[in-house]
Amino acid sequence: MYEDKTLTCKECGKEFVFTAGEQEFYAEKGFENEPQRCKECREARKNANRVERKLFTATCASCGGEAKVPFEPREDRPVYCSTCFAKMKEEQEGSSQSNVSSDSVM
């Protein structure tokens, strides 16, 4: 039903293929217009509006390693590196599951 089409990007002038699969996807979503930009230009345009996250460096309260976090650490709250945070989360999930199973036995 659909056939690949070669289109020209309005941003960079490069030719790109609007595949049959992409055309089918557009039709399923109800999009009436063909893409006007190549994939690279679409991604560049999409990412142009993104704000770069500021990361803060802290010391992990568990292992003492470096932790980069997207918030400014406070002295009264512990900060954990990704590895220690994941371990703590696993332990909490494991203990909550064991509590559930022991509660159901009683």
C-alpha atoms as a PDB file:
ATOM      1  CA  MET A   1       0.000   0.000   0.000  1.00  0.00           C
ATOM      2  CA  TYR A   2       2.697   2.524   1.028  1.00  0.00           C
ATOM      3  CA  GLU A   3       5.958   2.970  -0.847  1.00  0.00           C
ATOM      4  CA  ASP A   4       9.158   4.681   0.276  1.00  0.00           C
ATOM      5  CA  LYS A   5       9.322   8.349  -0.794  1.00  0.00           C
ATOM      6  CA  THR A   6      12.364  10.542  -1.137  1.00  0.00           C
ATOM      7  CA  LEU A   7      11.786  13.975   0.397  1.00  0.00           C
ATOM      8  CA  THR A   8      14.011  17.039   0.749  1.00  0.00           C
ATOM      9  CA  CYS A   9      14.689  18.526   4.183  1.00  0.00           C
ATOM     10  CA  LYS A  10      13.596  22.161   4.381  1.00  0.00           C
ATOM     11  CA  GLU A  11      16.274  22.829   7.009  1.00  0.00           C
ATOM     12  CA  CYS A  12      19.484  21.423   5.472  1.00  0.00           C
ATOM     13  CA  GLY A  13      18.362  20.584   1.909  1.00  0.00           C
ATOM     14  CA  LYS A  14      19.472  16.966   2.232  1.00  0.00           C
ATOM     15  CA  GLU A  15      17.319  14.222   0.734  1.00  0.00           C
ATOM     16  CA  PHE A  16      15.862  11.637   3.110  1.00  0.00           C
ATOM     17  CA  VAL A  17      13.587   8.628   2.773  1.00  0.00           C
ATOM     18  CA  PHE A  18      10.069   8.700   4.206  1.00  0.00           C
ATOM     19  CA  THR A  19       9.674   4.939   4.548  1.00  0.00           C
ATOM     20  CA  ALA A  20       6.497   2.958   3.996  1.00  0.00           C
ATOM     21  CA  GLY A  21       6.523   2.062   7.707  1.00  0.00           C
ATOM     22  CA  GLU A  22       6.772   5.710   8.694  1.00  0.00           C
ATOM     23  CA  GLN A  23       3.939   6.590   6.322  1.00  0.00           C
ATOM     24  CA  GLU A  24       1.783   3.889   7.882  1.00  0.00           C
ATOM     25  CA  PHE A  25       2.612   5.202  11.361  1.00  0.00           C
ATOM     26  CA  TYR A  26       1.686   8.762  10.299  1.00  0.00           C
ATOM     27  CA  ALA A  27      -1.627   7.495   8.880  1.00  0.00           C
ATOM     28  CA  GLU A  28      -2.421   5.551  12.081  1.00  0.00           C
ATOM     29  CA  LYS A  29      -1.783   8.664  14.171  1.00  0.00           C
ATOM     30  CA  GLY A  30      -3.904  10.813  11.874  1.00  0.00           C
ATOM     31  CA  PHE A  31      -1.002  12.995  10.733  1.00  0.00           C
ATOM     32  CA  GLU A  32      -1.911  14.565   7.411  1.00  0.00           C
ATOM     33  CA  ASN A  33       1.392  16.270   6.550  1.00  0.00           C
ATOM     34  CA  GLU A  34       4.588  14.540   5.516  1.00  0.00           C
ATOM     35  CA  PRO A  35       7.720  15.322   7.538  1.00  0.00           C
ATOM     36  CA  GLN A  36       9.538  18.406   6.288  1.00  0.00           C
ATOM     37  CA  ARG A  37      12.857  17.779   8.052  1.00  0.00           C
ATOM     38  CA  CYS A  38      15.281  14.852   8.015  1.00  0.00           C
ATOM     39  CA  LYS A  39      15.742  12.857  11.194  1.00  0.00           C
ATOM     40  CA  GLU A  40      18.936  14.709  12.173  1.00  0.00           C
ATOM     41  CA  CYS A  41      17.297  18.137  11.788  1.00  0.00           C
ATOM     42  CA  ARG A  42      14.167  16.995  13.683  1.00  0.00           C
ATOM     43  CA  GLU A  43      16.315  15.773  16.583  1.00  0.00           C
ATOM     44  CA  ALA A  44      18.431  18.941  16.575  1.00  0.00           C
ATOM     45  CA  ARG A  45      15.297  21.108  16.625  1.00  0.00           C
ATOM     46  CA  LYS A  46      13.748  19.035  19.420  1.00  0.00           C
ATOM     47  CA  ASN A  47      16.913  19.175  21.537  1.00  0.00           C
ATOM     48  CA  ALA A  48      17.450  22.905  20.979  1.00  0.00           C
ATOM     49  CA  ASN A  49      14.723  23.727  23.515  1.00  0.00           C
ATOM     50  CA  ARG A  50      16.038  21.385  26.194  1.00  0.00           C
ATOM     51  CA  VAL A  51      17.616  22.983  29.208  1.00  0.00           C
ATOM     52  CA  GLU A  52      20.888  21.493  30.328  1.00  0.00           C
ATOM     53  CA  ARG A  53      20.576  20.036  33.846  1.00  0.00           C
ATOM     54  CA  LYS A  54      22.958  21.346  36.430  1.00  0.00           C
ATOM     55  CA  LEU A  55      24.527  18.521  38.426  1.00  0.00           C
ATOM     56  CA  PHE A  56      25.962  18.911  41.910  1.00  0.00           C
ATOM     57  CA  THR A  57      28.746  16.816  43.370  1.00  0.00           C
ATOM     58  CA  ALA A  58      28.353  15.284  46.812  1.00  0.00           C
ATOM     59  CA  THR A  59      29.941  12.543  48.897  1.00  0.00           C
ATOM     60  CA  CYS A  60      27.967   9.315  49.168  1.00  0.00           C
ATOM     61  CA  ALA A  61      26.785   8.770  52.744  1.00  0.00           C
ATOM     62  CA  SER A  62      27.245   5.009  52.357  1.00  0.00           C
ATOM     63  CA  CYS A  63      30.514   4.340  50.500  1.00  0.00           C
ATOM     64  CA  GLY A  64      32.170   7.786  50.571  1.00  0.00           C
ATOM     65  CA  GLY A  65      32.433   7.897  46.781  1.00  0.00           C
ATOM     66  CA  GLU A  66      31.474  10.760  44.523  1.00  0.00           C
ATOM     67  CA  ALA A  67      27.790  11.211  43.755  1.00  0.00           C
ATOM     68  CA  LYS A  68      26.434  13.531  41.051  1.00  0.00           C
ATOM     69  CA  VAL A  69      22.877  14.648  41.758  1.00  0.00           C
ATOM     70  CA  PRO A  70      20.426  17.061  40.048  1.00  0.00           C
ATOM     71  CA  PHE A  71      19.726  18.945  43.295  1.00  0.00           C
ATOM     72  CA  GLU A  72      21.830  20.944  45.718  1.00  0.00           C
ATOM     73  CA  PRO A  73      22.676  18.626  48.637  1.00  0.00           C
ATOM     74  CA  ARG A  74      21.899  19.743  52.182  1.00  0.00           C
ATOM     75  CA  GLU A  75      23.963  18.866  55.227  1.00  0.00           C
ATOM     76  CA  ASP A  76      20.966  17.459  57.145  1.00  0.00           C
ATOM     77  CA  ARG A  77      20.047  14.893  54.444  1.00  0.00           C
ATOM     78  CA  PRO A  78      22.178  11.953  53.248  1.00  0.00           C
ATOM     79  CA  VAL A  79      23.060  11.663  49.565  1.00  0.00           C
ATOM     80  CA  TYR A  80      23.886   8.332  47.916  1.00  0.00           C
ATOM     81  CA  CYS A  81      25.706   7.446  44.716  1.00  0.00           C
ATOM     82  CA  SER A  82      23.743   5.542  42.079  1.00  0.00           C
ATOM     83  CA  THR A  83      25.173   2.166  43.126  1.00  0.00           C
ATOM     84  CA  CYS A  84      24.423   2.557  46.839  1.00  0.00           C
ATOM     85  CA  PHE A  85      20.980   4.040  46.123  1.00  0.00           C
ATOM     86  CA  ALA A  86      20.113   1.032  43.945  1.00  0.00           C
ATOM     87  CA  LYS A  87      21.325  -1.380  46.661  1.00  0.00           C
ATOM     88  CA  MET A  88      19.249   0.379  49.315  1.00  0.00           C
ATOM     89  CA  LYS A  89      16.192   0.330  47.064  1.00  0.00           C
ATOM     90  CA  GLU A  90      16.629  -3.420  46.422  1.00  0.00           C
ATOM     91  CA  GLU A  91      16.972  -4.074  50.165  1.00  0.00           C
ATOM     92  CA  GLN A  92      13.847  -2.044  50.933  1.00  0.00           C
ATOM     93  CA  GLU A  93      11.846  -3.833  48.241  1.00  0.00           C
ATOM     94  CA  GLY A  94      13.114  -7.206  49.453  1.00  0.00           C
ATOM     95  CA  SER A  95      12.223  -6.491  53.071  1.00  0.00           C
ATOM     96  CA  SER A  96       8.772  -5.174  52.167  1.00  0.00           C
ATOM     97  CA  GLN A  97       8.085  -8.327  50.132  1.00  0.00           C
ATOM     98  CA  SER A  98       9.226 -10.559  52.992  1.00  0.00           C
ATOM     99  CA  ASN A  99       6.951  -8.611  55.357  1.00  0.00           C
ATOM    100  CA  VAL A 100       4.028  -9.212  53.028  1.00  0.00           C
ATOM    101  CA  SER A 101       4.679 -12.919  52.836  1.00  0.00           C
ATOM    102  CA  SER A 102       5.138 -13.252  56.616  1.00  0.00           C
ATOM    103  CA  ASP A 103       1.933 -11.270  57.208  1.00  0.00           C
ATOM    104  CA  SER A 104      -0.003 -13.546  54.861  1.00  0.00           C
ATOM    105  CA  VAL A 105       1.246 -16.646  56.711  1.00  0.00           C
ATOM    106  CA  MET A 106       0.033 -15.399  60.084  1.00  0.00           C
END
